[in-house]
């Protein structure tokens, strides 16, 4: 009788341990994906900020896509870039880079967004 009880308890503990490993692994993957997305958004922002002032228009950046590295690391990544001239200061433009990706079926698409200002020299 004691062996049966011990076996049942051991089975329950092992089942709980496996479930904890699965949850931990999924959490680690989500953190890695977010870190990858942040690096990609940062790289895109850096490239945009380095463009000449006159090339920094919504039409000029409409074709910007995630890098090959990001497409391999993230599931269906998409990037949205918004460039808006400041109404108060004609020598300033607001740049917003938003990157989102698919994270499992039925889940809301996670996203990261970086915003920067660029000033004419």
N, C-alpha and C. Protein backbone atom coordinates (compact mmCIF):
# COMPACT_ATOMS: atom_id res chain seq x y z
N UNK A 1 0.82 -1.19 0.00
CA UNK A 1 0.00 0.00 0.00
C UNK A 1 0.87 1.26 0.00
N UNK A 2 1.94 1.23 0.81
CA UNK A 2 2.83 2.39 0.87
C UNK A 2 3.51 2.62 -0.47
N UNK A 3 3.85 1.56 -1.17
CA UNK A 3 4.49 1.68 -2.49
C UNK A 3 3.54 2.33 -3.50
N UNK A 4 2.28 1.99 -3.43
CA UNK A 4 1.29 2.57 -4.35
C UNK A 4 1.15 4.07 -4.08
N UNK A 5 1.05 4.45 -2.82
CA UNK A 5 0.91 5.86 -2.46
C UNK A 5 2.18 6.63 -2.89
N UNK A 6 3.34 6.05 -2.64
CA UNK A 6 4.60 6.69 -3.02
C UNK A 6 4.68 6.84 -4.54
N UNK A 7 4.24 5.84 -5.28
CA UNK A 7 4.26 5.90 -6.74
C UNK A 7 3.32 6.98 -7.27
N UNK A 8 2.15 7.09 -6.68
CA UNK A 8 1.19 8.12 -7.09
C UNK A 8 1.74 9.51 -6.81
N UNK A 9 2.32 9.69 -5.64
CA UNK A 9 2.90 10.98 -5.28
C UNK A 9 4.08 11.32 -6.21
N UNK A 10 4.92 10.35 -6.49
CA UNK A 10 6.05 10.57 -7.39
C UNK A 10 5.56 10.95 -8.79
N UNK A 11 4.52 10.29 -9.26
CA UNK A 11 3.93 10.61 -10.57
C UNK A 11 3.39 12.03 -10.62
N UNK A 12 2.72 12.44 -9.53
CA UNK A 12 2.17 13.79 -9.48
C UNK A 12 3.28 14.84 -9.48
N UNK A 13 4.34 14.59 -8.72
CA UNK A 13 5.46 15.53 -8.67
C UNK A 13 6.15 15.61 -10.03
N UNK A 14 6.33 14.48 -10.69
CA UNK A 14 6.97 14.47 -12.00
C UNK A 14 6.12 15.21 -13.03
N UNK A 15 4.81 15.01 -12.99
CA UNK A 15 3.92 15.71 -13.91
C UNK A 15 3.99 17.21 -13.71
N UNK A 16 3.97 17.65 -12.46
CA UNK A 16 4.07 19.08 -12.16
C UNK A 16 5.42 19.64 -12.60
N UNK A 17 6.47 18.87 -12.43
CA UNK A 17 7.81 19.32 -12.84
C UNK A 17 7.90 19.51 -14.35
N UNK A 18 7.35 18.57 -15.10
CA UNK A 18 7.37 18.67 -16.56
C UNK A 18 6.57 19.89 -17.01
N UNK A 19 5.42 20.12 -16.41
CA UNK A 19 4.62 21.29 -16.77
C UNK A 19 5.36 22.59 -16.48
N UNK A 20 6.07 22.65 -15.37
CA UNK A 20 6.85 23.83 -15.02
C UNK A 20 7.96 24.06 -16.04
N UNK A 21 8.59 23.00 -16.50
CA UNK A 21 9.63 23.12 -17.52
C UNK A 21 9.06 23.65 -18.83
N UNK A 22 7.88 23.19 -19.21
CA UNK A 22 7.24 23.65 -20.44
C UNK A 22 6.91 25.14 -20.34
N UNK A 23 6.33 25.56 -19.22
CA UNK A 23 5.98 26.98 -19.02
C UNK A 23 7.25 27.84 -19.01
N UNK A 24 8.28 27.39 -18.33
CA UNK A 24 9.54 28.13 -18.29
C UNK A 24 10.17 28.27 -19.66
N UNK A 25 10.11 27.22 -20.44
CA UNK A 25 10.67 27.24 -21.78
C UNK A 25 9.90 28.21 -22.68
N UNK A 26 8.59 28.22 -22.58
CA UNK A 26 7.78 29.14 -23.37
C UNK A 26 8.07 30.59 -22.98
N UNK A 27 8.23 30.84 -21.70
CA UNK A 27 8.57 32.17 -21.23
C UNK A 27 9.93 32.63 -21.73
N UNK A 28 10.88 31.73 -21.72
CA UNK A 28 12.22 32.05 -22.21
C UNK A 28 12.18 32.38 -23.70
N UNK A 29 11.42 31.60 -24.48
CA UNK A 29 11.29 31.88 -25.92
C UNK A 29 10.64 33.25 -26.16
N UNK A 30 9.64 33.59 -25.36
CA UNK A 30 8.97 34.89 -25.52
C UNK A 30 9.94 36.03 -25.22
N UNK A 31 10.76 35.88 -24.21
CA UNK A 31 11.74 36.91 -23.87
C UNK A 31 12.79 37.03 -24.97
N UNK A 32 13.25 35.92 -25.51
CA UNK A 32 14.23 35.95 -26.59
C UNK A 32 13.65 36.62 -27.83
N UNK A 33 12.38 36.34 -28.14
CA UNK A 33 11.75 36.97 -29.30
C UNK A 33 11.62 38.48 -29.10
N UNK A 34 11.24 38.89 -27.91
CA UNK A 34 11.11 40.33 -27.64
C UNK A 34 12.48 41.01 -27.75
N UNK A 35 13.51 40.37 -27.23
CA UNK A 35 14.86 40.94 -27.33
C UNK A 35 15.29 41.06 -28.79
N UNK A 36 15.00 40.06 -29.59
CA UNK A 36 15.31 40.10 -31.02
C UNK A 36 14.56 41.24 -31.70
N UNK A 37 13.29 41.40 -31.36
CA UNK A 37 12.48 42.47 -31.95
C UNK A 37 13.02 43.84 -31.56
N UNK A 38 13.43 43.99 -30.31
CA UNK A 38 14.00 45.27 -29.87
C UNK A 38 15.30 45.58 -30.61
N UNK A 39 16.13 44.57 -30.81
CA UNK A 39 17.38 44.78 -31.55
C UNK A 39 17.09 45.16 -33.00
N UNK A 40 16.12 44.50 -33.61
CA UNK A 40 15.77 44.81 -34.99
C UNK A 40 15.20 46.22 -35.11
N UNK A 41 14.30 46.60 -34.21
CA UNK A 41 13.74 47.96 -34.24
C UNK A 41 14.83 49.00 -34.03
N UNK A 42 15.76 48.71 -33.14
CA UNK A 42 16.87 49.63 -32.89
C UNK A 42 17.76 49.78 -34.13
N UNK A 43 18.04 48.67 -34.79
CA UNK A 43 18.84 48.72 -36.02
C UNK A 43 18.13 49.53 -37.10
N UNK A 44 16.83 49.30 -37.26
CA UNK A 44 16.07 50.06 -38.25
C UNK A 44 16.08 51.55 -37.93
N UNK A 45 15.90 51.88 -36.65
CA UNK A 45 15.90 53.29 -36.24
C UNK A 45 17.25 53.93 -36.54
N UNK A 46 18.32 53.21 -36.27
CA UNK A 46 19.66 53.74 -36.53
C UNK A 46 19.87 54.01 -38.02
N UNK A 47 19.41 53.09 -38.87
CA UNK A 47 19.53 53.28 -40.32
C UNK A 47 18.69 54.46 -40.79
N UNK A 48 17.50 54.60 -40.23
CA UNK A 48 16.65 55.72 -40.63
C UNK A 48 17.24 57.06 -40.20
N UNK A 49 17.74 57.11 -38.99
CA UNK A 49 18.31 58.36 -38.47
C UNK A 49 19.57 58.77 -39.23
N UNK A 50 20.24 57.82 -39.86
CA UNK A 50 21.46 58.11 -40.61
C UNK A 50 21.17 58.58 -42.04
N UNK A 51 19.93 58.47 -42.48
CA UNK A 51 19.59 58.90 -43.84
C UNK A 51 19.70 60.42 -43.96
N UNK A 52 19.97 60.88 -45.17
CA UNK A 52 19.95 62.33 -45.39
C UNK A 52 18.56 62.90 -45.09
N UNK A 53 18.52 64.14 -44.65
CA UNK A 53 17.27 64.79 -44.23
C UNK A 53 16.18 64.69 -45.31
N UNK A 54 16.54 64.95 -46.55
CA UNK A 54 15.55 64.97 -47.63
C UNK A 54 15.04 63.57 -47.98
N UNK A 55 15.80 62.53 -47.65
CA UNK A 55 15.37 61.15 -47.91
C UNK A 55 14.53 60.58 -46.78
N UNK A 56 14.30 61.35 -45.76
CA UNK A 56 13.55 60.87 -44.60
C UNK A 56 12.08 61.28 -44.76
N UNK A 57 11.40 60.58 -45.68
CA UNK A 57 9.99 60.83 -45.96
C UNK A 57 9.22 59.52 -45.85
N UNK A 58 7.91 59.60 -45.62
CA UNK A 58 7.11 58.36 -45.57
C UNK A 58 7.21 57.55 -46.85
N UNK A 59 7.25 58.21 -48.00
CA UNK A 59 7.34 57.50 -49.27
C UNK A 59 8.68 56.78 -49.42
N UNK A 60 9.74 57.40 -48.95
CA UNK A 60 11.08 56.82 -49.11
C UNK A 60 11.28 55.60 -48.22
N UNK A 61 10.57 55.51 -47.11
CA UNK A 61 10.77 54.39 -46.18
C UNK A 61 9.64 53.36 -46.25
N UNK A 62 8.73 53.54 -47.19
CA UNK A 62 7.58 52.63 -47.28
C UNK A 62 7.99 51.19 -47.58
N UNK A 63 9.09 51.00 -48.25
CA UNK A 63 9.51 49.65 -48.65
C UNK A 63 10.43 48.97 -47.63
N UNK A 64 10.71 49.61 -46.51
CA UNK A 64 11.61 49.02 -45.51
C UNK A 64 10.96 47.77 -44.91
N UNK A 65 11.72 46.71 -44.89
CA UNK A 65 11.25 45.42 -44.36
C UNK A 65 12.18 44.93 -43.25
N UNK A 66 11.70 44.01 -42.42
CA UNK A 66 12.60 43.41 -41.41
C UNK A 66 13.76 42.70 -42.10
N UNK A 67 14.87 42.63 -41.40
CA UNK A 67 16.06 41.98 -41.96
C UNK A 67 15.85 40.47 -42.06
N UNK A 68 16.74 39.83 -42.80
CA UNK A 68 16.69 38.37 -42.93
C UNK A 68 16.84 37.72 -41.57
N UNK A 69 17.70 38.25 -40.75
CA UNK A 69 17.93 37.75 -39.39
C UNK A 69 16.62 37.77 -38.58
N UNK A 70 15.90 38.89 -38.64
CA UNK A 70 14.64 39.01 -37.90
C UNK A 70 13.58 38.07 -38.47
N UNK A 71 13.55 37.90 -39.78
CA UNK A 71 12.57 36.99 -40.39
C UNK A 71 12.82 35.55 -39.99
N UNK A 72 14.08 35.20 -39.73
CA UNK A 72 14.38 33.84 -39.29
C UNK A 72 14.07 33.65 -37.81
N UNK A 73 14.28 34.69 -37.01
CA UNK A 73 14.12 34.57 -35.55
C UNK A 73 12.68 34.78 -35.09
N UNK A 74 11.90 35.54 -35.86
CA UNK A 74 10.53 35.87 -35.47
C UNK A 74 9.55 35.30 -36.49
N UNK A 75 8.39 34.92 -36.03
CA UNK A 75 7.37 34.37 -36.92
C UNK A 75 6.54 35.49 -37.52
N UNK A 76 6.61 35.63 -38.82
CA UNK A 76 5.86 36.62 -39.59
C UNK A 76 6.05 38.04 -39.06
N UNK A 77 7.28 38.53 -39.01
CA UNK A 77 7.48 39.90 -38.51
C UNK A 77 7.00 40.92 -39.53
N UNK A 78 6.50 42.03 -39.03
CA UNK A 78 6.13 43.14 -39.91
C UNK A 78 6.57 44.43 -39.24
N UNK A 79 6.94 45.38 -40.07
CA UNK A 79 7.44 46.66 -39.56
C UNK A 79 6.57 47.79 -40.11
N UNK A 80 6.32 48.76 -39.26
CA UNK A 80 5.59 49.96 -39.66
C UNK A 80 6.44 51.16 -39.25
N UNK A 81 6.68 52.04 -40.21
CA UNK A 81 7.50 53.22 -39.94
C UNK A 81 6.65 54.46 -40.19
N UNK A 82 6.65 55.34 -39.21
CA UNK A 82 5.90 56.58 -39.32
C UNK A 82 6.87 57.75 -39.21
N UNK A 83 6.83 58.62 -40.18
CA UNK A 83 7.67 59.82 -40.17
C UNK A 83 6.74 61.02 -40.28
N UNK A 84 6.80 61.88 -39.27
CA UNK A 84 5.91 63.04 -39.22
C UNK A 84 6.74 64.29 -38.96
N UNK A 85 6.55 65.28 -39.80
CA UNK A 85 7.22 66.56 -39.58
C UNK A 85 6.54 67.29 -38.42
N UNK A 86 7.32 67.93 -37.60
CA UNK A 86 6.78 68.65 -36.45
C UNK A 86 6.08 69.92 -36.92
N UNK A 87 4.83 70.13 -36.48
CA UNK A 87 4.13 71.35 -36.89
C UNK A 87 4.72 72.61 -36.22
N UNK A 88 5.39 72.42 -35.09
CA UNK A 88 5.95 73.55 -34.36
C UNK A 88 7.36 73.91 -34.82
N UNK A 89 8.08 72.93 -35.32
CA UNK A 89 9.48 73.15 -35.69
C UNK A 89 9.73 72.49 -37.05
N UNK A 90 9.85 73.26 -38.13
CA UNK A 90 10.06 72.65 -39.45
C UNK A 90 11.39 71.93 -39.60
N UNK A 91 12.28 72.10 -38.65
CA UNK A 91 13.58 71.42 -38.72
C UNK A 91 13.58 70.13 -37.90
N UNK A 92 12.38 69.63 -37.54
CA UNK A 92 12.29 68.41 -36.73
C UNK A 92 11.32 67.42 -37.35
N UNK A 93 11.70 66.15 -37.29
CA UNK A 93 10.83 65.06 -37.74
C UNK A 93 10.78 63.99 -36.66
N UNK A 94 9.59 63.46 -36.44
CA UNK A 94 9.39 62.38 -35.47
C UNK A 94 9.41 61.06 -36.25
N UNK A 95 10.25 60.13 -35.79
CA UNK A 95 10.37 58.82 -36.43
C UNK A 95 9.88 57.78 -35.43
N UNK A 96 8.92 56.96 -35.84
CA UNK A 96 8.42 55.87 -35.00
C UNK A 96 8.56 54.56 -35.76
N UNK A 97 9.24 53.60 -35.15
CA UNK A 97 9.42 52.27 -35.73
C UNK A 97 8.65 51.28 -34.85
N UNK A 98 7.68 50.60 -35.44
CA UNK A 98 6.89 49.59 -34.72
C UNK A 98 7.11 48.25 -35.39
N UNK A 99 7.47 47.25 -34.61
CA UNK A 99 7.71 45.91 -35.13
C UNK A 99 6.83 44.94 -34.36
N UNK A 100 6.08 44.12 -35.09
CA UNK A 100 5.30 43.08 -34.41
C UNK A 100 5.53 41.75 -35.10
N UNK A 101 5.11 40.67 -34.46
CA UNK A 101 5.34 39.33 -34.97
C UNK A 101 4.28 38.40 -34.38
N UNK A 102 4.15 37.23 -34.99
CA UNK A 102 3.18 36.23 -34.53
C UNK A 102 3.80 35.42 -33.40
N UNK A 103 3.03 35.19 -32.35
CA UNK A 103 3.53 34.42 -31.21
C UNK A 103 2.49 33.36 -30.83
N UNK A 104 2.45 32.30 -31.57
CA UNK A 104 1.51 31.23 -31.29
C UNK A 104 0.12 31.57 -31.80
N UNK A 105 -0.68 30.55 -32.05
CA UNK A 105 -2.02 30.77 -32.59
C UNK A 105 -2.96 31.30 -31.51
N UNK A 106 -3.81 32.20 -31.91
CA UNK A 106 -4.81 32.74 -31.01
C UNK A 106 -4.30 33.77 -30.02
N UNK A 107 -3.03 34.11 -30.09
CA UNK A 107 -2.47 35.11 -29.17
C UNK A 107 -2.41 36.46 -29.86
N UNK A 108 -2.52 37.50 -29.08
CA UNK A 108 -2.38 38.84 -29.61
C UNK A 108 -0.94 39.04 -30.07
N UNK A 109 -0.79 39.75 -31.18
CA UNK A 109 0.55 39.99 -31.71
C UNK A 109 1.31 40.92 -30.79
N UNK A 110 2.45 40.47 -30.26
CA UNK A 110 3.27 41.36 -29.44
C UNK A 110 3.90 42.42 -30.33
N UNK A 111 4.30 43.54 -29.74
CA UNK A 111 4.93 44.58 -30.54
C UNK A 111 5.90 45.37 -29.69
N UNK A 112 6.86 45.92 -30.40
CA UNK A 112 7.79 46.87 -29.78
C UNK A 112 7.76 48.13 -30.62
N UNK A 113 7.96 49.26 -29.96
CA UNK A 113 7.95 50.53 -30.67
C UNK A 113 9.05 51.42 -30.13
N UNK A 114 9.80 52.01 -31.03
CA UNK A 114 10.83 52.99 -30.68
C UNK A 114 10.48 54.30 -31.38
N UNK A 115 10.66 55.39 -30.65
CA UNK A 115 10.37 56.72 -31.20
C UNK A 115 11.61 57.60 -31.01
N UNK A 116 11.92 58.36 -32.04
CA UNK A 116 13.06 59.26 -32.00
C UNK A 116 12.73 60.54 -32.75
N UNK A 117 13.48 61.57 -32.47
CA UNK A 117 13.35 62.83 -33.19
C UNK A 117 14.63 63.07 -33.97
N UNK A 118 14.48 63.56 -35.18
CA UNK A 118 15.63 63.90 -36.02
C UNK A 118 15.53 65.38 -36.35
N UNK A 119 16.63 66.09 -36.20
CA UNK A 119 16.67 67.52 -36.45
C UNK A 119 17.61 67.82 -37.62
N UNK A 120 17.19 68.77 -38.42
CA UNK A 120 18.02 69.20 -39.55
C UNK A 120 19.25 69.91 -39.00
N UNK A 121 20.37 69.65 -39.60
CA UNK A 121 21.62 70.28 -39.13
C UNK A 121 21.80 71.65 -39.70
